[in-house]
Amino acid sequence: NDITGENIRHIENSTDIELSANKSYFAKYTISYSINSRVEGDSKEIIFALTNANGMLVSGSRHIASISRDVNNNSISLGVIISPENDYIVRLTNLTQDVKNVRINAATVTIFRLA
């Protein structure tokens, strides 16, 4: 929730992060997750991405990872450059099909404007 500067805005307790137009930003997300119940059979996949206000994927931001039966705590991290022509809303979105079996332990989004 710490925001410094004038080009990035976040309303507390909101999923939306607003970026000013005609600037470039580096956006990185990190997720720590586990499963609520033991995964049976093959590994399952967890999918996260940055999306815009219309739910469209931010190019290059989708991360697909396997959840292994043998791993209790998992972590993924991904970074992309975003250069919107207009004011832009970005949010971290869980696209996992079996969301009820995934427990998010921590999630962070870090965005900074590139010079």
Protein backbone atom coordinates (compact mmCIF):
# COMPACT_ATOMS: atom_id res chain seq x y z
CA ASN A 1 0.00 0.00 0.00
CA ASP A 2 3.02 2.35 -0.04
CA ILE A 3 2.79 4.66 -3.03
CA THR A 4 5.33 7.40 -3.74
CA GLY A 5 5.29 9.67 -6.76
CA GLU A 6 2.50 10.96 -8.98
CA ASN A 7 2.18 8.41 -11.80
CA ILE A 8 1.01 5.35 -9.86
CA ARG A 9 -2.15 5.35 -7.74
CA HIS A 10 -3.66 2.68 -5.52
CA ILE A 11 -6.82 2.92 -3.48
CA GLU A 12 -6.39 1.10 -0.17
CA ASN A 13 -8.20 -2.28 -0.05
CA SER A 14 -8.75 -2.19 -3.81
CA THR A 15 -7.32 -4.54 -6.44
CA ASP A 16 -6.84 -1.70 -8.92
CA ILE A 17 -3.52 0.02 -9.52
CA GLU A 18 -3.79 3.06 -11.81
CA LEU A 19 -0.92 3.99 -14.12
CA SER A 20 -0.61 7.34 -15.89
CA ALA A 21 -0.52 7.36 -19.70
CA ASN A 22 2.52 7.70 -21.96
CA LYS A 23 5.06 6.37 -19.47
CA SER A 24 6.79 3.01 -19.08
CA TYR A 25 6.59 0.92 -15.92
CA PHE A 26 8.18 -2.25 -14.62
CA ALA A 27 5.53 -4.38 -12.88
CA LYS A 28 6.45 -7.45 -10.85
CA TYR A 29 4.29 -9.79 -8.83
CA THR A 30 5.26 -12.49 -6.38
CA ILE A 31 2.88 -15.11 -4.98
CA SER A 32 3.45 -17.57 -2.16
CA TYR A 33 0.83 -20.34 -2.22
CA SER A 34 -0.02 -23.82 -1.05
CA ILE A 35 -2.90 -26.23 -1.56
CA ASN A 36 -5.80 -26.67 0.86
CA SER A 37 -5.88 -30.44 0.39
CA ARG A 38 -3.47 -33.04 -0.85
CA VAL A 39 -3.23 -33.08 -4.64
CA GLU A 40 -4.08 -36.51 -5.95
CA GLY A 41 -2.72 -37.92 -9.19
CA ASP A 42 -0.70 -35.65 -11.45
CA SER A 43 0.43 -32.18 -10.53
CA LYS A 44 -2.10 -29.42 -10.94
CA GLU A 45 -1.46 -25.97 -12.36
CA ILE A 46 -1.76 -22.56 -10.80
CA ILE A 47 -2.14 -19.57 -13.13
CA PHE A 48 -1.70 -15.89 -12.25
CA ALA A 49 -1.51 -12.83 -14.47
CA LEU A 50 -1.80 -9.09 -14.50
CA THR A 51 -5.06 -7.99 -16.11
CA ASN A 52 -6.51 -4.63 -17.08
CA ALA A 53 -9.85 -3.14 -15.98
CA ASN A 54 -11.67 -5.22 -18.65
CA GLY A 55 -10.08 -8.49 -17.48
CA MET A 56 -7.76 -8.73 -20.50
CA LEU A 57 -4.29 -10.13 -19.89
CA VAL A 58 -1.34 -7.75 -19.80
CA SER A 59 0.98 -9.08 -22.50
CA GLY A 60 3.65 -11.42 -21.14
CA SER A 61 2.29 -11.42 -17.58
CA ARG A 62 0.66 -14.87 -17.40
CA HIS A 63 2.57 -17.37 -15.25
CA ILE A 64 1.65 -21.06 -15.19
CA ALA A 65 3.26 -23.25 -12.54
CA SER A 66 2.76 -26.80 -11.36
CA ILE A 67 1.72 -27.68 -7.84
CA SER A 68 3.54 -30.80 -6.74
CA ARG A 69 2.20 -33.29 -4.19
CA ASP A 70 5.60 -33.17 -2.50
CA VAL A 71 5.82 -29.41 -2.00
CA ASN A 72 3.88 -27.66 0.77
CA ASN A 73 4.90 -24.08 -0.01
CA ASN A 74 5.25 -22.79 -3.56
CA SER A 75 6.33 -19.41 -4.90
CA ILE A 76 6.20 -17.73 -8.30
CA SER A 77 7.40 -14.35 -9.48
CA LEU A 78 7.18 -12.58 -12.83
CA GLY A 79 7.98 -9.10 -14.14
CA VAL A 80 6.91 -7.23 -17.28
CA ILE A 81 7.22 -3.78 -18.80
CA ILE A 82 3.95 -1.91 -19.36
CA SER A 83 3.78 1.22 -21.56
CA PRO A 84 0.14 2.37 -21.74
CA GLU A 85 -0.94 5.02 -24.24
CA ASN A 86 -3.88 6.00 -21.99
CA ASP A 87 -4.39 5.97 -18.23
CA TYR A 88 -4.44 2.28 -17.35
CA ILE A 89 -5.67 0.04 -14.55
CA VAL A 90 -3.74 -3.11 -13.74
CA ARG A 91 -4.59 -5.80 -11.17
CA LEU A 92 -3.21 -9.16 -10.10
CA THR A 93 -5.64 -11.94 -11.05
CA ASN A 94 -5.81 -15.60 -10.05
CA LEU A 95 -6.79 -17.53 -13.20
CA THR A 96 -6.45 -20.98 -11.60
CA GLN A 97 -9.38 -23.23 -12.56
CA ASP A 98 -9.54 -24.99 -9.19
CA VAL A 99 -9.28 -21.83 -7.06
CA LYS A 100 -10.90 -23.37 -3.97
CA ASN A 101 -7.94 -25.74 -3.49
CA VAL A 102 -5.30 -22.99 -3.67
CA ARG A 103 -4.42 -21.02 -0.53
CA ILE A 104 -2.60 -17.73 -1.10
CA ASN A 105 -0.13 -17.17 1.73
CA ALA A 106 1.20 -13.83 0.45
CA ALA A 107 0.97 -11.70 -2.68
CA THR A 108 2.89 -8.57 -3.59
CA VAL A 109 2.81 -6.30 -6.61
CA THR A 110 5.69 -3.88 -7.15
CA ILE A 111 5.49 -1.24 -9.86
CA PHE A 112 7.92 1.52 -10.61
CA ARG A 113 8.13 4.01 -13.44
CA LEU A 114 11.07 3.67 -15.77
CA ALA A 115 13.02 6.82 -16.64
